[in-house]
Amino acid sequence: MDRRELFTLLRGSGVAESELWIEGVHEPRMPPTEFLFLRKGAQGWDTGVAERGEWHVIATSPDEDTACARLLRLAQP
């Protein structure tokens, strides 16, 4: 799965756009105070949670597919 497919899947499952920041796909100019993110990092793809301006990386994955699967799991209730 790539980032575009992930975004479509999350939106289709009811996750609000305001809860997500996905590099190159959905990057709100005014992000909310808390959201999940997926971005390219120095060692691969970072997934995590941003809270009050602090970006906390939960995991770094070697490829986009693995990172997308991880963010999908994080977004599930």
PDB file of N, CA and C in Angstrom:
ATOM      1  N   MET A   1       0.860  -1.168   0.000  1.00  0.00           N
ATOM      2  CA  MET A   1       0.000   0.000   0.000  1.00  0.00           C
ATOM      3  C   MET A   1       0.906   1.229   0.000  1.00  0.00           C
ATOM      4  N   ASP A   2       0.485   2.270  -0.702  1.00  0.00           N
ATOM      5  CA  ASP A   2       1.241   3.516  -0.678  1.00  0.00           C
ATOM      6  C   ASP A   2       0.454   4.566   0.114  1.00  0.00           C
ATOM      7  N   ARG A   3       1.023   5.755   0.264  1.00  0.00           N
ATOM      8  CA  ARG A   3       0.412   6.812   1.082  1.00  0.00           C
ATOM      9  C   ARG A   3      -0.952   7.248   0.579  1.00  0.00           C
ATOM     10  N   ARG A   4      -1.145   7.300  -0.722  1.00  0.00           N
ATOM     11  CA  ARG A   4      -2.450   7.709  -1.262  1.00  0.00           C
ATOM     12  C   ARG A   4      -3.525   6.672  -0.948  1.00  0.00           C
ATOM     13  N   GLU A   5      -3.174   5.412  -1.124  1.00  0.00           N
ATOM     14  CA  GLU A   5      -4.113   4.331  -0.791  1.00  0.00           C
ATOM     15  C   GLU A   5      -4.434   4.350   0.703  1.00  0.00           C
ATOM     16  N   LEU A   6      -3.422   4.595   1.525  1.00  0.00           N
ATOM     17  CA  LEU A   6      -3.635   4.665   2.972  1.00  0.00           C
ATOM     18  C   LEU A   6      -4.615   5.769   3.317  1.00  0.00           C
ATOM     19  N   PHE A   7      -4.411   6.955   2.756  1.00  0.00           N
ATOM     20  CA  PHE A   7      -5.289   8.079   3.055  1.00  0.00           C
ATOM     21  C   PHE A   7      -6.725   7.770   2.648  1.00  0.00           C
ATOM     22  N   THR A   8      -6.906   7.213   1.478  1.00  0.00           N
ATOM     23  CA  THR A   8      -8.242   6.842   0.996  1.00  0.00           C
ATOM     24  C   THR A   8      -8.880   5.812   1.926  1.00  0.00           C
ATOM     25  N   LEU A   9      -8.116   4.822   2.336  1.00  0.00           N
ATOM     26  CA  LEU A   9      -8.629   3.775   3.225  1.00  0.00           C
ATOM     27  C   LEU A   9      -9.018   4.357   4.582  1.00  0.00           C
ATOM     28  N   LEU A  10      -8.165   5.198   5.146  1.00  0.00           N
ATOM     29  CA  LEU A  10      -8.472   5.797   6.451  1.00  0.00           C
ATOM     30  C   LEU A  10      -9.706   6.690   6.385  1.00  0.00           C
ATOM     31  N   ARG A  11      -9.797   7.504   5.355  1.00  0.00           N
ATOM     32  CA  ARG A  11     -10.973   8.369   5.204  1.00  0.00           C
ATOM     33  C   ARG A  11     -12.233   7.533   5.029  1.00  0.00           C
ATOM     34  N   GLY A  12     -12.134   6.456   4.271  1.00  0.00           N
ATOM     35  CA  GLY A  12     -13.276   5.581   4.058  1.00  0.00           C
ATOM     36  C   GLY A  12     -13.723   4.858   5.321  1.00  0.00           C
ATOM     37  N   SER A  13     -12.796   4.683   6.260  1.00  0.00           N
ATOM     38  CA  SER A  13     -13.139   3.996   7.510  1.00  0.00           C
ATOM     39  C   SER A  13     -13.570   4.971   8.597  1.00  0.00           C
ATOM     40  N   GLY A  14     -13.676   6.262   8.237  1.00  0.00           N
ATOM     41  CA  GLY A  14     -14.214   7.239   9.184  1.00  0.00           C
ATOM     42  C   GLY A  14     -13.199   8.069   9.943  1.00  0.00           C
ATOM     43  N   VAL A  15     -11.914   7.913   9.659  1.00  0.00           N
ATOM     44  CA  VAL A  15     -10.904   8.738  10.324  1.00  0.00           C
ATOM     45  C   VAL A  15     -10.967  10.142   9.719  1.00  0.00           C
ATOM     46  N   ALA A  16     -11.080  11.132  10.566  1.00  0.00           N
ATOM     47  CA  ALA A  16     -11.190  12.521  10.100  1.00  0.00           C
ATOM     48  C   ALA A  16      -9.865  13.014   9.526  1.00  0.00           C
ATOM     49  N   GLU A  17      -9.951  13.830   8.485  1.00  0.00           N
ATOM     50  CA  GLU A  17      -8.750  14.414   7.885  1.00  0.00           C
ATOM     51  C   GLU A  17      -7.927  15.169   8.917  1.00  0.00           C
ATOM     52  N   SER A  18      -8.593  15.777   9.877  1.00  0.00           N
ATOM     53  CA  SER A  18      -7.900  16.571  10.894  1.00  0.00           C
ATOM     54  C   SER A  18      -7.044  15.717  11.825  1.00  0.00           C
ATOM     55  N   GLU A  19      -7.224  14.414  11.785  1.00  0.00           N
ATOM     56  CA  GLU A  19      -6.448  13.517  12.645  1.00  0.00           C
ATOM     57  C   GLU A  19      -5.210  12.982  11.942  1.00  0.00           C
ATOM     58  N   LEU A  20      -4.939  13.452  10.713  1.00  0.00           N
ATOM     59  CA  LEU A  20      -3.867  12.882   9.903  1.00  0.00           C
ATOM     60  C   LEU A  20      -2.963  13.936   9.278  1.00  0.00           C
ATOM     61  N   TRP A  21      -1.698  13.575   9.148  1.00  0.00           N
ATOM     62  CA  TRP A  21      -0.729  14.346   8.361  1.00  0.00           C
ATOM     63  C   TRP A  21       0.113  13.306   7.637  1.00  0.00           C
ATOM     64  N   ILE A  22      -0.030  13.220   6.317  1.00  0.00           N
ATOM     65  CA  ILE A  22       0.678  12.223   5.507  1.00  0.00           C
ATOM     66  C   ILE A  22       1.474  12.967   4.446  1.00  0.00           C
ATOM     67  N   GLU A  23       2.791  12.847   4.540  1.00  0.00           N
ATOM     68  CA  GLU A  23       3.683  13.590   3.654  1.00  0.00           C
ATOM     69  C   GLU A  23       3.342  13.384   2.184  1.00  0.00           C
ATOM     70  N   GLY A  24       3.212  14.494   1.467  1.00  0.00           N
ATOM     71  CA  GLY A  24       2.960  14.460   0.041  1.00  0.00           C
ATOM     72  C   GLY A  24       1.537  14.140  -0.364  1.00  0.00           C
ATOM     73  N   VAL A  25       0.693  13.819   0.595  1.00  0.00           N
ATOM     74  CA  VAL A  25      -0.689  13.449   0.293  1.00  0.00           C
ATOM     75  C   VAL A  25      -1.676  14.368   1.010  1.00  0.00           C
ATOM     76  N   HIS A  26      -1.478  14.543   2.305  1.00  0.00           N
ATOM     77  CA  HIS A  26      -2.384  15.374   3.100  1.00  0.00           C
ATOM     78  C   HIS A  26      -1.545  16.079   4.170  1.00  0.00           C
ATOM     79  N   GLU A  27      -1.221  17.347   3.917  1.00  0.00           N
ATOM     80  CA  GLU A  27      -0.401  18.137   4.824  1.00  0.00           C
ATOM     81  C   GLU A  27      -1.142  19.435   5.153  1.00  0.00           C
ATOM     82  N   PRO A  28      -2.032  19.392   6.128  1.00  0.00           N
ATOM     83  CA  PRO A  28      -2.813  20.589   6.460  1.00  0.00           C
ATOM     84  C   PRO A  28      -1.902  21.767   6.825  1.00  0.00           C
ATOM     85  N   ARG A  29      -2.221  22.930   6.299  1.00  0.00           N
ATOM     86  CA  ARG A  29      -1.432  24.130   6.620  1.00  0.00           C
ATOM     87  C   ARG A  29      -1.562  24.502   8.084  1.00  0.00           C
ATOM     88  N   MET A  30      -2.743  24.306   8.620  1.00  0.00           N
ATOM     89  CA  MET A  30      -3.002  24.593  10.031  1.00  0.00           C
ATOM     90  C   MET A  30      -3.391  23.284  10.715  1.00  0.00           C
ATOM     91  N   PRO A  31      -2.409  22.420  11.003  1.00  0.00           N
ATOM     92  CA  PRO A  31      -2.756  21.146  11.616  1.00  0.00           C
ATOM     93  C   PRO A  31      -3.331  21.338  13.019  1.00  0.00           C
ATOM     94  N   PRO A  32      -4.154  20.412  13.446  1.00  0.00           N
ATOM     95  CA  PRO A  32      -4.719  20.498  14.800  1.00  0.00           C
ATOM     96  C   PRO A  32      -3.621  20.269  15.843  1.00  0.00           C
ATOM     97  N   THR A  33      -3.969  20.343  17.090  1.00  0.00           N
ATOM     98  CA  THR A  33      -2.968  20.182  18.149  1.00  0.00           C
ATOM     99  C   THR A  33      -2.515  18.736  18.312  1.00  0.00           C
ATOM    100  N   GLU A  34      -3.320  17.785  17.866  1.00  0.00           N
ATOM    101  CA  GLU A  34      -2.956  16.362  17.966  1.00  0.00           C
ATOM    102  C   GLU A  34      -3.342  15.643  16.676  1.00  0.00           C
ATOM    103  N   PHE A  35      -2.403  14.841  16.145  1.00  0.00           N
ATOM    104  CA  PHE A  35      -2.693  14.077  14.935  1.00  0.00           C
ATOM    105  C   PHE A  35      -1.642  12.990  14.751  1.00  0.00           C
ATOM    106  N   LEU A  36      -1.995  11.990  13.951  1.00  0.00           N
ATOM    107  CA  LEU A  36      -1.061  10.941  13.554  1.00  0.00           C
ATOM    108  C   LEU A  36      -0.320  11.393  12.312  1.00  0.00           C
ATOM    109  N   PHE A  37       0.933  10.963  12.167  1.00  0.00           N
ATOM    110  CA  PHE A  37       1.675  11.369  10.978  1.00  0.00           C
ATOM    111  C   PHE A  37       2.462  10.229  10.356  1.00  0.00           C
ATOM    112  N   LEU A  38       2.757  10.419   9.083  1.00  0.00           N
ATOM    113  CA  LEU A  38       3.629   9.544   8.292  1.00  0.00           C
ATOM    114  C   LEU A  38       4.496  10.475   7.457  1.00  0.00           C
ATOM    115  N   ARG A  39       5.812  10.372   7.625  1.00  0.00           N
ATOM    116  CA  ARG A  39       6.725  11.255   6.900  1.00  0.00           C
ATOM    117  C   ARG A  39       8.037  10.538   6.617  1.00  0.00           C
ATOM    118  N   LYS A  40       8.733  11.022   5.611  1.00  0.00           N
ATOM    119  CA  LYS A  40      10.035  10.480   5.260  1.00  0.00           C
ATOM    120  C   LYS A  40      11.042  10.986   6.284  1.00  0.00           C
ATOM    121  N   GLY A  41      11.786  10.052   6.884  1.00  0.00           N
ATOM    122  CA  GLY A  41      12.803  10.421   7.864  1.00  0.00           C
ATOM    123  C   GLY A  41      14.189  10.079   7.345  1.00  0.00           C
ATOM    124  N   ALA A  42      15.182  10.329   8.149  1.00  0.00           N
ATOM    125  CA  ALA A  42      16.575  10.087   7.759  1.00  0.00           C
ATOM    126  C   ALA A  42      16.874   8.598   7.561  1.00  0.00           C
ATOM    127  N   GLN A  43      16.172   7.743   8.298  1.00  0.00           N
ATOM    128  CA  GLN A  43      16.439   6.301   8.254  1.00  0.00           C
ATOM    129  C   GLN A  43      15.340   5.489   7.574  1.00  0.00           C
ATOM    130  N   GLY A  44      14.347   6.152   7.032  1.00  0.00           N
ATOM    131  CA  GLY A  44      13.219   5.452   6.400  1.00  0.00           C
ATOM    132  C   GLY A  44      11.960   6.284   6.562  1.00  0.00           C
ATOM    133  N   TRP A  45      10.845   5.618   6.799  1.00  0.00           N
ATOM    134  CA  TRP A  45       9.556   6.288   6.970  1.00  0.00           C
ATOM    135  C   TRP A  45       9.186   6.302   8.448  1.00  0.00           C
ATOM    136  N   ASP A  46       8.929   7.500   8.984  1.00  0.00           N
ATOM    137  CA  ASP A  46       8.556   7.663  10.388  1.00  0.00           C
ATOM    138  C   ASP A  46       7.047   7.712  10.533  1.00  0.00           C
ATOM    139  N   THR A  47       6.542   7.013  11.531  1.00  0.00           N
ATOM    140  CA  THR A  47       5.136   7.110  11.916  1.00  0.00           C
ATOM    141  C   THR A  47       5.105   7.536  13.373  1.00  0.00           C
ATOM    142  N   GLY A  48       4.095   8.303  13.723  1.00  0.00           N
ATOM    143  CA  GLY A  48       4.017   8.741  15.100  1.00  0.00           C
ATOM    144  C   GLY A  48       2.830   9.616  15.380  1.00  0.00           C
ATOM    145  N   VAL A  49       2.945  10.337  16.496  1.00  0.00           N
ATOM    146  CA  VAL A  49       1.883  11.207  16.980  1.00  0.00           C
ATOM    147  C   VAL A  49       2.477  12.586  17.228  1.00  0.00           C
ATOM    148  N   ALA A  50       1.768  13.601  16.794  1.00  0.00           N
ATOM    149  CA  ALA A  50       2.156  14.978  17.080  1.00  0.00           C
ATOM    150  C   ALA A  50       1.181  15.533  18.109  1.00  0.00           C
ATOM    151  N   GLU A  51       1.734  16.152  19.138  1.00  0.00           N
ATOM    152  CA  GLU A  51       0.919  16.746  20.198  1.00  0.00           C
ATOM    153  C   GLU A  51       1.499  18.099  20.568  1.00  0.00           C
ATOM    154  N   ARG A  52       0.683  19.120  20.449  1.00  0.00           N
ATOM    155  CA  ARG A  52       1.065  20.481  20.843  1.00  0.00           C
ATOM    156  C   ARG A  52       2.415  20.911  20.266  1.00  0.00           C
ATOM    157  N   GLY A  53       2.615  20.649  18.993  1.00  0.00           N
ATOM    158  CA  GLY A  53       3.833  21.073  18.315  1.00  0.00           C
ATOM    159  C   GLY A  53       5.022  20.135  18.441  1.00  0.00           C
ATOM    160  N   GLU A  54       4.910  19.090  19.219  1.00  0.00           N
ATOM    161  CA  GLU A  54       5.974  18.103  19.389  1.00  0.00           C
ATOM    162  C   GLU A  54       5.645  16.864  18.556  1.00  0.00           C
ATOM    163  N   TRP A  55       6.570  16.477  17.673  1.00  0.00           N
ATOM    164  CA  TRP A  55       6.377  15.297  16.833  1.00  0.00           C
ATOM    165  C   TRP A  55       7.106  14.127  17.476  1.00  0.00           C
ATOM    166  N   HIS A  56       6.365  13.098  17.884  1.00  0.00           N
ATOM    167  CA  HIS A  56       6.930  11.941  18.570  1.00  0.00           C
ATOM    168  C   HIS A  56       6.920  10.740  17.614  1.00  0.00           C
ATOM    169  N   VAL A  57       8.086  10.315  17.195  1.00  0.00           N
ATOM    170  CA  VAL A  57       8.197   9.158  16.307  1.00  0.00           C
ATOM    171  C   VAL A  57       7.994   7.895  17.132  1.00  0.00           C
ATOM    172  N   ILE A  58       7.037   7.087  16.720  1.00  0.00           N
ATOM    173  CA  ILE A  58       6.776   5.811  17.385  1.00  0.00           C
ATOM    174  C   ILE A  58       7.639   4.719  16.769  1.00  0.00           C
ATOM    175  N   ALA A  59       7.771   4.766  15.437  1.00  0.00           N
ATOM    176  CA  ALA A  59       8.564   3.751  14.742  1.00  0.00           C
ATOM    177  C   ALA A  59       9.080   4.293  13.422  1.00  0.00           C
ATOM    178  N   THR A  60      10.209   3.747  13.002  1.00  0.00           N
ATOM    179  CA  THR A  60      10.763   4.039  11.684  1.00  0.00           C
ATOM    180  C   THR A  60      10.761   2.742  10.893  1.00  0.00           C
ATOM    181  N   SER A  61      10.203   2.788   9.696  1.00  0.00           N
ATOM    182  CA  SER A  61      10.090   1.609   8.837  1.00  0.00           C
ATOM    183  C   SER A  61      10.997   1.783   7.621  1.00  0.00           C
ATOM    184  N   PRO A  62      11.539   0.684   7.100  1.00  0.00           N
ATOM    185  CA  PRO A  62      12.461   0.782   5.975  1.00  0.00           C
ATOM    186  C   PRO A  62      11.792   1.144   4.647  1.00  0.00           C
ATOM    187  N   ASP A  63      10.485   0.896   4.545  1.00  0.00           N
ATOM    188  CA  ASP A  63       9.801   1.167   3.282  1.00  0.00           C
ATOM    189  C   ASP A  63       8.414   1.748   3.529  1.00  0.00           C
ATOM    190  N   GLU A  64       7.873   2.350   2.492  1.00  0.00           N
ATOM    191  CA  GLU A  64       6.579   3.021   2.582  1.00  0.00           C
ATOM    192  C   GLU A  64       5.445   2.048   2.919  1.00  0.00           C
ATOM    193  N   ASP A  65       5.449   0.877   2.337  1.00  0.00           N
ATOM    194  CA  ASP A  65       4.386  -0.096   2.576  1.00  0.00           C
ATOM    195  C   ASP A  65       4.298  -0.474   4.055  1.00  0.00           C
ATOM    196  N   THR A  66       5.426  -0.757   4.674  1.00  0.00           N
ATOM    197  CA  THR A  66       5.446  -1.130   6.091  1.00  0.00           C
ATOM    198  C   THR A  66       4.982   0.037   6.962  1.00  0.00           C
ATOM    199  N   ALA A  67       5.436   1.235   6.626  1.00  0.00           N
ATOM    200  CA  ALA A  67       5.029   2.420   7.388  1.00  0.00           C
ATOM    201  C   ALA A  67       3.530   2.676   7.264  1.00  0.00           C
ATOM    202  N   CYS A  68       2.989   2.497   6.080  1.00  0.00           N
ATOM    203  CA  CYS A  68       1.547   2.687   5.879  1.00  0.00           C
ATOM    204  C   CYS A  68       0.754   1.682   6.711  1.00  0.00           C
ATOM    205  N   ALA A  69       1.196   0.439   6.728  1.00  0.00           N
ATOM    206  CA  ALA A  69       0.510  -0.585   7.524  1.00  0.00           C
ATOM    207  C   ALA A  69       0.566  -0.234   9.010  1.00  0.00           C
ATOM    208  N   ARG A  70       1.687   0.307   9.454  1.00  0.00           N
ATOM    209  CA  ARG A  70       1.826   0.688  10.853  1.00  0.00           C
ATOM    210  C   ARG A  70       0.879   1.838  11.200  1.00  0.00           C
ATOM    211  N   LEU A  71       0.810   2.866  10.333  1.00  0.00           N
ATOM    212  CA  LEU A  71      -0.084   3.984  10.600  1.00  0.00           C
ATOM    213  C   LEU A  71      -1.545   3.538  10.573  1.00  0.00           C
ATOM    214  N   LEU A  72      -1.857   2.610   9.689  1.00  0.00           N
ATOM    215  CA  LEU A  72      -3.227   2.065   9.644  1.00  0.00           C
ATOM    216  C   LEU A  72      -3.581   1.431  10.984  1.00  0.00           C
ATOM    217  N   ARG A  73      -2.662   0.671  11.559  1.00  0.00           N
ATOM    218  CA  ARG A  73      -2.918   0.059  12.874  1.00  0.00           C
ATOM    219  C   ARG A  73      -3.056   1.123  13.968  1.00  0.00           C
ATOM    220  N   LEU A  74      -2.227   2.158  13.902  1.00  0.00           N
ATOM    221  CA  LEU A  74      -2.311   3.228  14.903  1.00  0.00           C
ATOM    222  C   LEU A  74      -3.640   3.962  14.843  1.00  0.00           C
ATOM    223  N   ALA A  75      -4.190   4.097  13.650  1.00  0.00           N
ATOM    224  CA  ALA A  75      -5.425   4.869  13.462  1.00  0.00           C
ATOM    225  C   ALA A  75      -6.684   4.086  13.824  1.00  0.00           C
ATOM    226  N   GLN A  76      -6.564   2.782  13.968  1.00  0.00           N
ATOM    227  CA  GLN A  76      -7.727   1.968  14.288  1.00  0.00           C
ATOM    228  C   GLN A  76      -8.089   2.136  15.765  1.00  0.00           C
ATOM    229  N   PRO A  77      -9.370   2.262  16.063  1.00  0.00           N
ATOM    230  CA  PRO A  77      -9.802   2.430  17.472  1.00  0.00           C
ATOM    231  C   PRO A  77      -9.582   1.165  18.289  1.00  0.00           C
TER     232      PRO A  77
END
